Amino acid sequence: MIETLQSLRIVFALTVMLAHFSYAGIEGHTTGVGPMYFMLMTGFVMSRSYGSKVLDGSLHFSQYLLRRLCKFYPLHLLCLLAIVAIRFRTMTHADFVALIPNVLLLQSWIPVESYYFSGNSVSWYLSDLMLFLFLFPIIYKVIGKMSLRSLLTMTVILLGVYAVYVVSLQTDNLNYWLYIFPPVRLFDFIWGVVMWRIYELYPQWKHQRFTTGVELMMVAAVVLTIVTYPIHERWHVALLHWLVMVPMFWVFMQGNQLNGLVSRFLKTRVMVWLGGLTLETYLLHQLLFAILWNNADKLGLQIPYWPMMLLSFSFVIVVCYAIHATFVKPVNKKLLSFLVNKCR
């Protein structure tokens, strides 16, 4: 495990939570860096875990796919059932129909907001993830053998393809075609695979004395990206963010081996532990926000914005840890055990 990258997961999960923290008449600050980081991280981690098996032909596709599904699908269903239970009385026939592709994790392929944001709206990310899982063996067979020169050539080509796509896109629903549509978000996943390949080719960063300065520059660049979002609707989702997020990912990937100030903070036990709760915080935060706020209203509590933010985020972390310990971890363990016994 690369601790710095693990801890950054919770940092970017917090940016997603901030985007959805609309309270006391103040809208959340929308930013696309959270899902982008998760996609980058997924490409990197999967390459690290399965890349060698893809290249030597030992990857058992069905086992690989089931193992990945075991990590997130039970929690996805739990969130969906909880939301249906809470909203059951107000749901229409159309709402129930929209849940069918959601259960199958196909919702992000349908360019209608009531479908791709159905049920637990953030689960559109899992729908995109399914495409990444299916295509990963093919992608890595190509990228896993590339030289640095070939990687740079491929990067230029992909950036050109993306730029042409963005410029030629004629639609009012840019949010879907640039932010949700799975083939477009495949670019983010591919950069993660590329990062692993570069890491294999150049595992050490020689300029250690510049570590802290470079890390602080990357932090400042990410913060600036978040603050200035959006710059332009056609470009803010990916292309401009790649210029910051990809170098940032590389710096902290290397920072795990070095000892920059920010990396030392990210490698603390608390940050690594919080990074392990990212899936739960991402999938559950909106539901938990709603539960907490509704109960505060019923009790007649008028909590100011900042104290409510602190309370809400703390509530999410505590509940997510409980669900991780009592549901996600044991269910994942049982499913994997069943899978192993079935394959013997």
Protein backbone atom coordinates (compact mmCIF):
# COMPACT_ATOMS: atom_id res chain seq x y z
CA MET A 1 0.00 0.00 0.00
CA ILE A 2 1.28 3.48 -0.88
CA GLU A 3 0.20 5.34 2.25
CA THR A 4 0.27 8.85 0.79
CA LEU A 5 -2.10 7.91 -2.03
CA GLN A 6 -4.33 5.97 0.38
CA SER A 7 -4.69 9.00 2.67
CA LEU A 8 -5.38 11.34 -0.24
CA ARG A 9 -8.52 9.30 -0.92
CA ILE A 10 -10.21 10.74 2.18
CA VAL A 11 -9.00 14.24 1.31
CA PHE A 12 -10.73 14.06 -2.06
CA ALA A 13 -13.76 12.33 -0.54
CA LEU A 14 -14.08 15.46 1.62
CA THR A 15 -14.20 17.59 -1.53
CA VAL A 16 -17.18 15.51 -2.70
CA MET A 17 -18.84 15.98 0.69
CA LEU A 18 -18.24 19.74 0.48
CA ALA A 19 -19.87 19.78 -2.95
CA HIS A 20 -23.01 18.22 -1.48
CA PHE A 21 -23.05 20.22 1.76
CA SER A 22 -25.90 22.61 0.97
CA TYR A 23 -27.13 23.93 4.32
CA ALA A 24 -28.71 27.09 5.74
CA GLY A 25 -29.18 28.53 2.27
CA ILE A 26 -25.52 28.12 1.34
CA GLU A 27 -24.86 25.89 -1.66
CA GLY A 28 -22.04 23.36 -1.63
CA HIS A 29 -18.91 24.19 -3.61
CA THR A 30 -19.00 22.01 -6.71
CA THR A 31 -15.69 20.54 -7.88
CA GLY A 32 -14.77 17.59 -10.05
CA VAL A 33 -11.42 16.70 -8.47
CA GLY A 34 -12.81 14.02 -6.12
CA PRO A 35 -14.14 11.51 -8.67
CA MET A 36 -11.17 12.29 -10.90
CA TYR A 37 -8.74 11.28 -8.16
CA PHE A 38 -10.68 8.09 -7.43
CA MET A 39 -10.52 7.11 -11.11
CA LEU A 40 -6.81 7.85 -11.31
CA MET A 41 -6.25 5.88 -8.12
CA THR A 42 -8.31 2.94 -9.41
CA GLY A 43 -6.25 2.70 -12.59
CA PHE A 44 -3.03 2.85 -10.59
CA VAL A 45 -4.06 0.31 -7.92
CA MET A 46 -5.50 -2.17 -10.40
CA SER A 47 -2.33 -1.98 -12.49
CA ARG A 48 -0.26 -2.58 -9.37
CA SER A 49 -2.41 -5.52 -8.26
CA TYR A 50 -3.24 -7.23 -11.54
CA GLY A 51 -0.88 -5.83 -14.18
CA SER A 52 1.69 -8.63 -14.04
CA LYS A 53 -1.08 -11.24 -14.24
CA VAL A 54 -2.50 -9.56 -17.33
CA LEU A 55 0.88 -9.63 -19.06
CA ASP A 56 1.75 -13.24 -18.22
CA GLY A 57 -1.77 -14.48 -19.01
CA SER A 58 -2.54 -15.78 -15.50
CA LEU A 59 -5.45 -13.39 -14.79
CA HIS A 60 -8.70 -15.33 -14.35
CA PHE A 61 -11.15 -12.71 -15.59
CA SER A 62 -14.32 -13.92 -13.84
CA GLN A 63 -12.53 -14.31 -10.49
CA TYR A 64 -10.91 -10.89 -10.88
CA LEU A 65 -14.24 -9.27 -11.71
CA LEU A 66 -16.09 -10.95 -8.82
CA ARG A 67 -13.36 -9.95 -6.37
CA ARG A 68 -13.68 -6.33 -7.41
CA LEU A 69 -17.48 -6.45 -7.20
CA CYS A 70 -17.28 -7.89 -3.68
CA LYS A 71 -15.53 -4.72 -2.56
CA PHE A 72 -18.32 -2.29 -3.40
CA TYR A 73 -21.52 -3.95 -4.64
CA PRO A 74 -22.91 -5.08 -1.22
CA LEU A 75 -22.55 -1.52 0.11
CA HIS A 76 -24.13 -0.15 -3.06
CA LEU A 77 -27.19 -2.37 -2.49
CA LEU A 78 -27.35 -1.42 1.20
CA CYS A 79 -27.37 2.29 0.32
CA LEU A 80 -30.02 1.73 -2.33
CA LEU A 81 -32.29 -0.21 0.04
CA ALA A 82 -31.91 2.46 2.72
CA ILE A 83 -32.84 5.23 0.29
CA VAL A 84 -35.86 3.33 -1.02
CA ALA A 85 -37.02 2.65 2.55
CA ILE A 86 -36.76 6.34 3.45
CA ARG A 87 -38.34 7.71 0.26
CA PHE A 88 -40.80 4.88 -0.44
CA ARG A 89 -43.96 6.91 0.18
CA THR A 90 -42.95 9.72 -2.13
CA MET A 91 -41.49 7.61 -4.96
CA THR A 92 -43.37 7.41 -8.25
CA HIS A 93 -43.58 4.57 -10.75
CA ALA A 94 -40.92 6.34 -12.85
CA ASP A 95 -38.60 6.45 -9.83
CA PHE A 96 -38.88 2.69 -9.37
CA VAL A 97 -38.26 2.07 -13.09
CA ALA A 98 -35.12 4.24 -12.92
CA LEU A 99 -33.79 2.00 -10.14
CA ILE A 100 -33.52 -1.02 -12.47
CA PRO A 101 -30.38 0.19 -14.31
CA ASN A 102 -29.10 1.47 -10.97
CA VAL A 103 -29.22 -2.03 -9.47
CA LEU A 104 -27.43 -3.33 -12.57
CA LEU A 105 -24.92 -0.45 -12.43
CA LEU A 106 -25.88 0.68 -15.91
CA GLN A 107 -27.37 4.06 -14.97
CA SER A 108 -24.52 6.23 -16.24
CA TRP A 109 -25.10 4.94 -19.78
CA ILE A 110 -28.52 6.63 -19.90
CA PRO A 111 -28.28 10.39 -20.66
CA VAL A 112 -31.31 11.29 -18.54
CA GLU A 113 -30.74 12.86 -15.13
CA SER A 114 -33.55 10.93 -13.44
CA TYR A 115 -31.69 7.74 -14.42
CA TYR A 116 -27.99 8.50 -13.94
CA PHE A 117 -28.72 10.27 -10.63
CA SER A 118 -31.36 7.76 -9.53
CA GLY A 119 -31.29 6.12 -6.10
CA ASN A 120 -28.03 7.00 -4.43
CA SER A 121 -27.00 9.67 -6.93
CA VAL A 122 -23.24 9.33 -6.38
CA SER A 123 -23.40 5.68 -7.47
CA TRP A 124 -23.04 6.85 -11.09
CA TYR A 125 -19.33 6.53 -10.32
CA LEU A 126 -19.74 2.78 -9.73
CA SER A 127 -21.47 2.48 -13.10
CA ASP A 128 -18.44 4.08 -14.75
CA LEU A 129 -16.19 1.83 -12.69
CA MET A 130 -17.79 -1.25 -14.24
CA LEU A 131 -16.57 -0.16 -17.67
CA PHE A 132 -13.06 0.30 -16.25
CA LEU A 133 -13.12 -3.19 -14.74
CA PHE A 134 -14.17 -4.82 -18.01
CA LEU A 135 -11.65 -2.96 -20.16
CA PHE A 136 -8.68 -3.03 -17.76
CA PRO A 137 -7.12 -6.28 -19.08
CA ILE A 138 -7.20 -4.93 -22.64
CA ILE A 139 -5.86 -1.51 -21.61
CA TYR A 140 -3.03 -2.94 -19.57
CA LYS A 141 -1.94 -5.39 -22.26
CA VAL A 142 -1.17 -2.32 -24.35
CA ILE A 143 0.11 0.19 -21.78
CA GLY A 144 1.96 -2.36 -19.65
CA LYS A 145 4.51 -2.93 -22.43
CA MET A 146 5.00 0.69 -23.49
CA SER A 147 8.23 2.65 -23.23
CA LEU A 148 8.25 6.21 -21.91
CA ARG A 149 8.40 7.56 -25.46
CA SER A 150 5.36 5.49 -26.47
CA LEU A 151 3.48 6.65 -23.37
CA LEU A 152 4.14 10.29 -24.21
CA THR A 153 3.00 9.75 -27.80
CA MET A 154 -0.17 8.03 -26.62
CA THR A 155 -0.82 10.84 -24.13
CA VAL A 156 -0.61 13.51 -26.83
CA ILE A 157 -2.99 11.52 -29.05
CA LEU A 158 -5.52 10.98 -26.26
CA LEU A 159 -5.42 14.65 -25.27
CA GLY A 160 -6.03 15.57 -28.89
CA VAL A 161 -8.97 13.16 -29.15
CA TYR A 162 -10.46 14.57 -25.96
CA ALA A 163 -10.01 18.18 -27.11
CA VAL A 164 -11.73 17.46 -30.44
CA TYR A 165 -14.58 15.72 -28.59
CA VAL A 166 -15.11 18.67 -26.26
CA VAL A 167 -15.00 21.29 -29.01
CA SER A 168 -17.36 19.38 -31.32
CA LEU A 169 -19.88 18.46 -28.61
CA GLN A 170 -23.23 20.09 -29.36
CA THR A 171 -25.62 19.60 -26.45
CA ASP A 172 -27.23 21.39 -23.54
CA ASN A 173 -26.46 18.45 -21.26
CA LEU A 174 -22.70 18.99 -20.94
CA ASN A 175 -22.71 17.71 -17.38
CA TYR A 176 -23.63 14.24 -18.60
CA TRP A 177 -21.44 14.02 -21.70
CA LEU A 178 -18.35 15.43 -19.96
CA TYR A 179 -18.76 14.32 -16.35
CA ILE A 180 -20.88 11.14 -16.29
CA PHE A 181 -20.57 9.35 -19.65
CA PRO A 182 -18.36 6.26 -18.98
CA PRO A 183 -16.20 6.28 -22.15
CA VAL A 184 -15.20 9.90 -21.47
CA ARG A 185 -14.26 9.20 -17.84
CA LEU A 186 -12.17 6.28 -19.09
CA PHE A 187 -9.48 8.90 -19.77
CA ASP A 188 -9.06 9.48 -16.01
CA PHE A 189 -8.68 5.75 -15.42
CA ILE A 190 -6.11 5.46 -18.20
CA TRP A 191 -3.95 8.19 -16.63
CA GLY A 192 -3.82 6.06 -13.48
CA VAL A 193 -2.60 3.08 -15.51
CA VAL A 194 -0.01 5.33 -17.16
CA MET A 195 1.16 6.54 -13.74
CA TRP A 196 1.84 2.96 -12.68
CA ARG A 197 3.75 2.22 -15.88
CA ILE A 198 5.92 5.31 -15.35
CA TYR A 199 6.40 4.29 -11.73
CA GLU A 200 7.68 0.92 -12.96
CA LEU A 201 10.09 2.58 -15.39
CA TYR A 202 11.30 5.26 -12.94
CA PRO A 203 10.66 4.07 -9.36
CA GLN A 204 12.90 6.65 -7.65
CA TRP A 205 12.70 10.42 -7.61
CA LYS A 206 16.26 11.75 -7.27
CA HIS A 207 15.64 15.37 -6.20
CA GLN A 208 14.75 14.63 -2.59
CA ARG A 209 15.79 18.02 -1.24
CA PHE A 210 12.95 19.64 -3.19
CA THR A 211 10.28 17.28 -1.84
CA THR A 212 8.49 19.56 0.65
CA GLY A 213 8.52 22.56 -1.69
CA VAL A 214 7.12 20.58 -4.59
CA GLU A 215 4.46 19.00 -2.35
CA LEU A 216 3.32 22.41 -1.11
CA MET A 217 3.16 23.66 -4.69
CA MET A 218 0.95 20.72 -5.61
CA VAL A 219 -1.34 21.36 -2.64
CA ALA A 220 -1.64 25.02 -3.66
CA ALA A 221 -2.38 24.05 -7.28
CA VAL A 222 -5.16 21.63 -6.23
CA VAL A 223 -6.69 24.21 -3.88
CA LEU A 224 -6.60 26.81 -6.66
CA THR A 225 -8.25 24.34 -9.02
CA ILE A 226 -11.04 23.75 -6.50
CA VAL A 227 -11.55 27.43 -5.72
CA THR A 228 -11.69 28.53 -9.36
CA TYR A 229 -14.01 25.72 -10.48
CA PRO A 230 -15.60 26.10 -12.96
CA ILE A 231 -13.44 28.17 -15.30
CA HIS A 232 -15.32 27.20 -18.43
CA GLU A 233 -18.05 24.60 -18.60
CA ARG A 234 -16.52 22.72 -21.51
CA TRP A 235 -13.05 22.42 -19.98
CA HIS A 236 -13.28 22.45 -16.21
CA VAL A 237 -14.30 18.82 -15.75
CA ALA A 238 -11.21 17.09 -17.03
CA LEU A 239 -8.64 18.72 -19.29
CA LEU A 240 -7.69 21.63 -17.01
CA HIS A 241 -7.81 19.36 -13.97
CA TRP A 242 -5.49 16.81 -15.58
CA LEU A 243 -2.77 19.48 -15.76
CA VAL A 244 -2.87 19.62 -11.95
CA MET A 245 -4.11 16.23 -10.80
CA VAL A 246 -1.73 14.02 -12.78
CA PRO A 247 1.46 15.80 -11.60
CA MET A 248 0.03 15.93 -8.07
CA PHE A 249 -0.58 12.19 -8.16
CA TRP A 250 3.00 11.57 -9.32
CA VAL A 251 4.51 13.81 -6.62
CA PHE A 252 2.68 12.09 -3.75
CA MET A 253 3.21 8.67 -5.26
CA GLN A 254 6.94 9.36 -4.96
CA GLY A 255 6.48 11.22 -1.68
CA ASN A 256 5.63 7.95 0.05
CA GLN A 257 9.30 6.95 -0.26
CA LEU A 258 10.65 10.37 0.64
CA ASN A 259 9.91 12.54 3.67
CA GLY A 260 8.29 15.76 2.60
CA LEU A 261 6.21 17.66 5.15
CA VAL A 262 2.87 16.89 3.50
CA SER A 263 3.78 13.24 2.90
CA ARG A 264 4.70 12.79 6.56
CA PHE A 265 1.26 14.09 7.49
CA LEU A 266 -0.44 11.81 4.98
CA LYS A 267 1.44 8.80 6.34
CA THR A 268 0.15 9.28 9.89
CA ARG A 269 -2.02 6.48 11.26
CA VAL A 270 -5.14 8.63 11.44
CA MET A 271 -4.94 9.71 7.80
CA VAL A 272 -4.26 6.19 6.54
CA TRP A 273 -7.15 4.89 8.65
CA LEU A 274 -9.48 7.56 7.29
CA GLY A 275 -8.35 6.70 3.77
CA GLY A 276 -9.63 3.17 4.38
CA LEU A 277 -13.15 4.56 4.91
CA THR A 278 -13.35 6.36 1.58
CA LEU A 279 -15.81 4.02 -0.12
CA GLU A 280 -18.24 4.29 2.80
CA THR A 281 -17.95 8.07 3.12
CA TYR A 282 -18.41 8.53 -0.63
CA LEU A 283 -21.49 6.33 -0.94
CA LEU A 284 -23.15 7.19 2.37
CA HIS A 285 -22.52 10.87 3.01
CA GLN A 286 -25.58 12.29 1.25
CA LEU A 287 -27.90 9.82 2.97
CA LEU A 288 -26.33 10.53 6.36
CA PHE A 289 -26.48 14.28 5.81
CA ALA A 290 -30.21 13.99 5.12
CA ILE A 291 -30.84 11.85 8.22
CA LEU A 292 -28.91 14.21 10.50
CA TRP A 293 -30.46 17.39 9.11
CA ASN A 294 -34.01 16.00 9.18
CA ASN A 295 -33.66 14.95 12.79
CA ALA A 296 -32.19 18.34 13.72
CA ASP A 297 -35.23 20.01 12.12
CA LYS A 298 -37.65 17.72 13.96
CA LEU A 299 -35.98 18.61 17.25
CA GLY A 300 -36.15 22.28 16.41
CA LEU A 301 -32.37 22.72 16.53
CA GLN A 302 -31.03 25.77 14.75
CA ILE A 303 -27.38 24.91 14.27
CA PRO A 304 -25.17 27.47 12.46
CA TYR A 305 -23.43 26.52 9.21
CA TRP A 306 -19.89 25.81 10.42
CA PRO A 307 -20.81 23.85 13.56
CA MET A 308 -23.26 21.82 11.46
CA MET A 309 -20.51 21.09 8.94
CA LEU A 310 -18.23 19.82 11.70
CA LEU A 311 -21.07 17.80 13.23
CA SER A 312 -22.15 16.39 9.85
CA PHE A 313 -18.67 15.32 8.77
CA SER A 314 -17.97 13.78 12.19
CA PHE A 315 -21.31 11.94 12.06
CA VAL A 316 -20.46 10.56 8.61
CA ILE A 317 -17.04 9.30 9.74
CA VAL A 318 -18.42 7.61 12.88
CA VAL A 319 -21.31 5.90 11.08
CA CYS A 320 -19.11 4.89 8.15
CA TYR A 321 -16.61 3.29 10.50
CA ALA A 322 -19.43 1.35 12.18
CA ILE A 323 -20.78 0.17 8.81
CA HIS A 324 -17.28 -0.72 7.63
CA ALA A 325 -16.64 -2.82 10.74
CA THR A 326 -20.06 -4.48 11.00
CA PHE A 327 -21.10 -4.84 7.36
CA VAL A 328 -18.56 -4.07 4.63
CA LYS A 329 -15.56 -5.93 6.08
CA PRO A 330 -17.35 -9.11 7.25
CA VAL A 331 -19.52 -9.36 4.11
CA ASN A 332 -16.49 -8.87 1.87
CA LYS A 333 -14.61 -11.53 3.84
CA LYS A 334 -17.48 -14.03 3.54
CA LEU A 335 -17.98 -13.39 -0.16
CA LEU A 336 -14.28 -13.78 -0.90
CA SER A 337 -14.16 -16.97 1.17
CA PHE A 338 -17.13 -18.33 -0.77
CA LEU A 339 -15.45 -17.35 -4.04
CA VAL A 340 -12.21 -19.10 -3.10
CA ASN A 341 -14.03 -22.31 -2.06
CA LYS A 342 -16.12 -22.23 -5.23
CA CYS A 343 -13.04 -22.01 -7.42
CA ARG A 344 -11.23 -24.95 -5.83
